C-alpha atoms as a PDB file:
ATOM      1  CA  MET A   1      21.534 -34.828   0.435  1.00  0.00           C
ATOM      2  CA  SER A   2      17.900 -33.720   0.174  1.00  0.00           C
ATOM      3  CA  ASP A   3      16.765 -30.472  -1.459  1.00  0.00           C
ATOM      4  CA  GLY A   4      13.732 -29.924   0.778  1.00  0.00           C
ATOM      5  CA  PHE A   5      12.311 -30.350   4.209  1.00  0.00           C
ATOM      6  CA  VAL A   6       9.283 -31.950   5.800  1.00  0.00           C
ATOM      7  CA  ILE A   7       6.998 -30.334   8.355  1.00  0.00           C
ATOM      8  CA  GLU A   8       5.287 -32.984  10.398  1.00  0.00           C
ATOM      9  CA  GLY A   9       1.935 -32.350  12.011  1.00  0.00           C
ATOM     10  CA  LEU A  10       0.926 -29.507   9.702  1.00  0.00           C
ATOM     11  CA  ASP A  11      -2.179 -31.349   8.496  1.00  0.00           C
ATOM     12  CA  GLN A  12      -3.306 -31.967  12.069  1.00  0.00           C
ATOM     13  CA  PHE A  13      -2.655 -28.341  13.010  1.00  0.00           C
ATOM     14  CA  HIS A  14      -4.639 -27.221   9.955  1.00  0.00           C
ATOM     15  CA  ARG A  15      -7.616 -29.403  10.985  1.00  0.00           C
ATOM     16  CA  GLN A  16      -7.447 -28.051  14.550  1.00  0.00           C
ATOM     17  CA  LEU A  17      -7.336 -24.493  13.289  1.00  0.00           C
ATOM     18  CA  LEU A  18     -10.315 -25.022  10.968  1.00  0.00           C
ATOM     19  CA  ALA A  19     -12.370 -26.640  13.740  1.00  0.00           C
ATOM     20  CA  PHE A  20     -11.427 -23.794  16.060  1.00  0.00           C
ATOM     21  CA  THR A  21     -12.461 -21.060  13.620  1.00  0.00           C
ATOM     22  CA  LYS A  22     -15.725 -22.781  12.675  1.00  0.00           C
ATOM     23  CA  ASN A  23     -16.881 -23.919  16.109  1.00  0.00           C
ATOM     24  CA  LYS A  24     -15.160 -22.703  19.247  1.00  0.00           C
ATOM     25  CA  PHE A  25     -14.185 -19.203  18.242  1.00  0.00           C
ATOM     26  CA  PRO A  26     -17.624 -17.971  17.043  1.00  0.00           C
ATOM     27  CA  ARG A  27     -19.337 -19.258  20.203  1.00  0.00           C
ATOM     28  CA  ALA A  28     -16.670 -17.654  22.359  1.00  0.00           C
ATOM     29  CA  VAL A  29     -17.033 -14.316  20.542  1.00  0.00           C
ATOM     30  CA  GLU A  30     -20.789 -14.343  21.215  1.00  0.00           C
ATOM     31  CA  ALA A  31     -20.275 -14.954  24.917  1.00  0.00           C
ATOM     32  CA  TRP A  32     -17.468 -12.393  25.144  1.00  0.00           C
ATOM     33  CA  CYS A  33     -19.522  -9.669  23.435  1.00  0.00           C
ATOM     34  CA  GLU A  34     -22.449 -10.244  25.738  1.00  0.00           C
ATOM     35  CA  GLY A  35     -20.204 -10.349  28.781  1.00  0.00           C
ATOM     36  CA  LEU A  36     -18.404  -7.140  27.842  1.00  0.00           C
ATOM     37  CA  ALA A  37     -21.687  -5.348  27.151  1.00  0.00           C
ATOM     38  CA  MET A  38     -23.026  -6.400  30.547  1.00  0.00           C
ATOM     39  CA  ARG A  39     -19.834  -5.293  32.300  1.00  0.00           C
ATOM     40  CA  LEU A  40     -19.935  -1.927  30.546  1.00  0.00           C
ATOM     41  CA  MET A  41     -23.550  -1.448  31.650  1.00  0.00           C
ATOM     42  CA  GLU A  42     -22.472  -2.155  35.235  1.00  0.00           C
ATOM     43  CA  ARG A  43     -19.980   0.719  34.918  1.00  0.00           C
ATOM     44  CA  VAL A  44     -22.602   2.986  33.364  1.00  0.00           C
ATOM     45  CA  ALA A  45     -25.029   2.145  36.186  1.00  0.00           C
ATOM     46  CA  ASP A  46     -22.364   2.981  38.758  1.00  0.00           C
ATOM     47  CA  LEU A  47     -21.823   6.423  37.190  1.00  0.00           C
ATOM     48  CA  ALA A  48     -25.406   7.316  36.247  1.00  0.00           C
ATOM     49  CA  PRO A  49     -26.820  10.035  38.500  1.00  0.00           C
ATOM     50  CA  VAL A  50     -29.753   9.351  40.797  1.00  0.00           C
ATOM     51  CA  ARG A  51     -32.218  12.006  41.887  1.00  0.00           C
ATOM     52  CA  GLU A  52     -32.460  12.369  45.637  1.00  0.00           C
ATOM     53  CA  ASP A  53     -36.272  12.327  45.753  1.00  0.00           C
ATOM     54  CA  PRO A  54     -38.238   9.115  46.442  1.00  0.00           C
ATOM     55  CA  GLY A  55     -38.920   8.583  42.718  1.00  0.00           C
ATOM     56  CA  GLY A  56     -35.229   8.686  41.811  1.00  0.00           C
ATOM     57  CA  GLY A  57     -33.303   5.737  40.450  1.00  0.00           C
ATOM     58  CA  ARG A  58     -35.296   4.850  37.330  1.00  0.00           C
ATOM     59  CA  LEU A  59     -32.416   5.713  34.986  1.00  0.00           C
ATOM     60  CA  ARG A  60     -29.791   3.852  36.995  1.00  0.00           C
ATOM     61  CA  ASN A  61     -32.098   0.852  37.402  1.00  0.00           C
ATOM     62  CA  SER A  62     -32.536   0.662  33.629  1.00  0.00           C
ATOM     63  CA  TYR A  63     -28.774   0.212  33.271  1.00  0.00           C
ATOM     64  CA  VAL A  64     -28.680  -2.333  36.095  1.00  0.00           C
ATOM     65  CA  THR A  65     -31.336  -4.386  34.277  1.00  0.00           C
ATOM     66  CA  ALA A  66     -29.404  -4.139  30.994  1.00  0.00           C
ATOM     67  CA  SER A  67     -26.237  -5.234  32.822  1.00  0.00           C
ATOM     68  CA  MET A  68     -28.033  -8.502  33.607  1.00  0.00           C
ATOM     69  CA  GLY A  69     -28.664  -9.119  29.904  1.00  0.00           C
ATOM     70  CA  GLN A  70     -32.346  -8.300  30.157  1.00  0.00           C
ATOM     71  CA  SER A  71     -34.762  -5.884  28.525  1.00  0.00           C
ATOM     72  CA  ASP A  72     -37.888  -4.311  29.943  1.00  0.00           C
ATOM     73  CA  GLU A  73     -39.806  -1.059  29.397  1.00  0.00           C
ATOM     74  CA  ASP A  74     -36.777   0.940  30.619  1.00  0.00           C
ATOM     75  CA  ALA A  75     -33.794  -1.277  29.768  1.00  0.00           C
ATOM     76  CA  TYR A  76     -32.504  -2.391  26.379  1.00  0.00           C
ATOM     77  CA  PHE A  77     -30.405  -5.491  25.680  1.00  0.00           C
ATOM     78  CA  GLU A  78     -30.331  -7.133  22.256  1.00  0.00           C
ATOM     79  CA  ARG A  79     -27.901  -9.444  20.516  1.00  0.00           C
ATOM     80  CA  ILE A  80     -27.925  -9.271  16.722  1.00  0.00           C
ATOM     81  CA  GLY A  81     -26.103 -11.824  14.589  1.00  0.00           C
ATOM     82  CA  ARG A  82     -24.121 -14.916  15.388  1.00  0.00           C
ATOM     83  CA  GLY A  83     -20.519 -15.955  15.694  1.00  0.00           C
ATOM     84  CA  GLY A  84     -17.879 -13.486  14.591  1.00  0.00           C
ATOM     85  CA  ASN A  85     -20.499 -11.149  13.123  1.00  0.00           C
ATOM     86  CA  ILE A  86     -22.293 -10.061  16.267  1.00  0.00           C
ATOM     87  CA  THR A  87     -23.528  -6.766  17.617  1.00  0.00           C
ATOM     88  CA  VAL A  88     -24.773  -6.289  21.159  1.00  0.00           C
ATOM     89  CA  LEU A  89     -26.954  -3.250  21.750  1.00  0.00           C
ATOM     90  CA  VAL A  90     -27.379  -2.122  25.340  1.00  0.00           C
ATOM     91  CA  GLY A  91     -28.712   0.967  26.998  1.00  0.00           C
ATOM     92  CA  SER A  92     -31.739   2.650  28.424  1.00  0.00           C
ATOM     93  CA  ASN A  93     -35.205   3.275  27.022  1.00  0.00           C
ATOM     94  CA  VAL A  94     -35.822   5.937  29.662  1.00  0.00           C
ATOM     95  CA  GLU A  95     -36.892   8.956  27.627  1.00  0.00           C
ATOM     96  CA  TYR A  96     -34.547  11.419  29.352  1.00  0.00           C
ATOM     97  CA  ALA A  97     -31.429   9.207  29.401  1.00  0.00           C
ATOM     98  CA  ASP A  98     -29.724  10.938  26.487  1.00  0.00           C
ATOM     99  CA  TYR A  99     -30.409  14.408  27.900  1.00  0.00           C
ATOM    100  CA  VAL A 100     -28.933  13.482  31.274  1.00  0.00           C
ATOM    101  CA  ASN A 101     -25.876  11.953  29.603  1.00  0.00           C
ATOM    102  CA  THR A 102     -25.095  14.458  26.838  1.00  0.00           C
ATOM    103  CA  GLY A 103     -26.754  17.633  28.114  1.00  0.00           C
ATOM    104  CA  HIS A 104     -29.520  19.803  26.750  1.00  0.00           C
ATOM    105  CA  LYS A 105     -30.784  23.338  26.347  1.00  0.00           C
ATOM    106  CA  LEU A 106     -32.663  24.667  29.360  1.00  0.00           C
ATOM    107  CA  ARG A 107     -35.892  26.650  29.159  1.00  0.00           C
ATOM    108  CA  ASN A 108     -33.962  29.851  29.831  1.00  0.00           C
ATOM    109  CA  GLY A 109     -31.763  29.158  26.779  1.00  0.00           C
ATOM    110  CA  ALA A 110     -28.651  28.160  28.730  1.00  0.00           C
ATOM    111  CA  TRP A 111     -26.874  24.892  27.960  1.00  0.00           C
ATOM    112  CA  TRP A 112     -26.653  22.244  30.690  1.00  0.00           C
ATOM    113  CA  GLU A 113     -23.579  20.077  30.082  1.00  0.00           C
ATOM    114  CA  GLY A 114     -24.878  16.694  31.204  1.00  0.00           C
ATOM    115  CA  TYR A 115     -23.015  14.043  33.152  1.00  0.00           C
ATOM    116  CA  HIS A 116     -21.311  12.209  30.244  1.00  0.00           C
ATOM    117  CA  TYR A 117     -21.410   9.013  32.282  1.00  0.00           C
ATOM    118  CA  PHE A 118     -21.473   6.781  29.177  1.00  0.00           C
ATOM    119  CA  ASP A 119     -18.201   8.232  27.880  1.00  0.00           C
ATOM    120  CA  ASP A 120     -16.671   8.188  31.348  1.00  0.00           C
ATOM    121  CA  ALA A 121     -17.687   4.546  31.813  1.00  0.00           C
ATOM    122  CA  TRP A 122     -16.146   3.609  28.449  1.00  0.00           C
ATOM    123  CA  ASP A 123     -12.939   5.526  29.210  1.00  0.00           C
ATOM    124  CA  GLU A 124     -12.565   3.560  32.457  1.00  0.00           C
ATOM    125  CA  PHE A 125     -13.553   0.273  30.846  1.00  0.00           C
ATOM    126  CA  GLU A 126     -11.682   0.327  27.519  1.00  0.00           C
ATOM    127  CA  VAL A 127      -8.244  -0.774  28.762  1.00  0.00           C
ATOM    128  CA  GLU A 128      -9.738  -3.344  31.135  1.00  0.00           C
ATOM    129  CA  ALA A 129     -11.861  -4.741  28.293  1.00  0.00           C
ATOM    130  CA  ALA A 130      -8.872  -5.079  25.963  1.00  0.00           C
ATOM    131  CA  ASP A 131      -6.836  -6.866  28.645  1.00  0.00           C
ATOM    132  CA  TRP A 132      -9.791  -9.121  29.489  1.00  0.00           C
ATOM    133  CA  LEU A 133     -10.233 -10.056  25.810  1.00  0.00           C
ATOM    134  CA  ALA A 134      -6.523 -10.784  25.391  1.00  0.00           C
ATOM    135  CA  ASP A 135      -6.675 -13.121  28.414  1.00  0.00           C
ATOM    136  CA  ARG A 136      -9.771 -14.891  27.027  1.00  0.00           C
ATOM    137  CA  LEU A 137      -8.096 -15.380  23.632  1.00  0.00           C
ATOM    138  CA  GLU A 138      -4.986 -16.797  25.237  1.00  0.00           C
ATOM    139  CA  GLU A 139      -7.105 -19.195  27.316  1.00  0.00           C
ATOM    140  CA  LEU A 140      -9.097 -20.291  24.275  1.00  0.00           C
ATOM    141  CA  PHE A 141      -5.977 -20.889  22.182  1.00  0.00           C
ATOM    142  CA  SER A 142      -4.424 -22.857  25.033  1.00  0.00           C
ATOM    143  CA  GLU A 143      -7.570 -24.985  25.561  1.00  0.00           C
ATOM    144  CA  SER A 144      -7.687 -25.689  21.825  1.00  0.00           C
ATOM    145  CA  GLY A 145      -4.033 -26.701  21.630  1.00  0.00           C
ATOM    146  CA  LEU A 146      -3.168 -23.748  19.390  1.00  0.00           C
ATOM    147  CA  SER A 147      -0.860 -21.781  21.657  1.00  0.00           C
END
């Protein structure tokens, strides 16, 4: 009778796991972060108010541009870092964007509440984003033979 046991295939699994964490996973995280940022900006654009006059729409259009992963004078999209250490910054460079979102003091001293469309967009998006990420992780593990 033997006093131990043997686990076969552990070395191969270890190599697969190392390759996964060094190669596939960091690239996937980059793509996922960008994709989630763009999807959030789509939600923000949907909720951002638009003035009714002919010049209206600049604020919303800045979010639409950011949702396409692009920057211009009004839109902001930047990816900082690589792999698992990535930050994606998205938003609007329109000078009044923050005031419209969070509110501001009026000339008469009263407080205007703002639309809070960024928070509302995140509240709608948060659960969907978590589910979407869980699905992507499961797919990646499966494709890599780690599930």
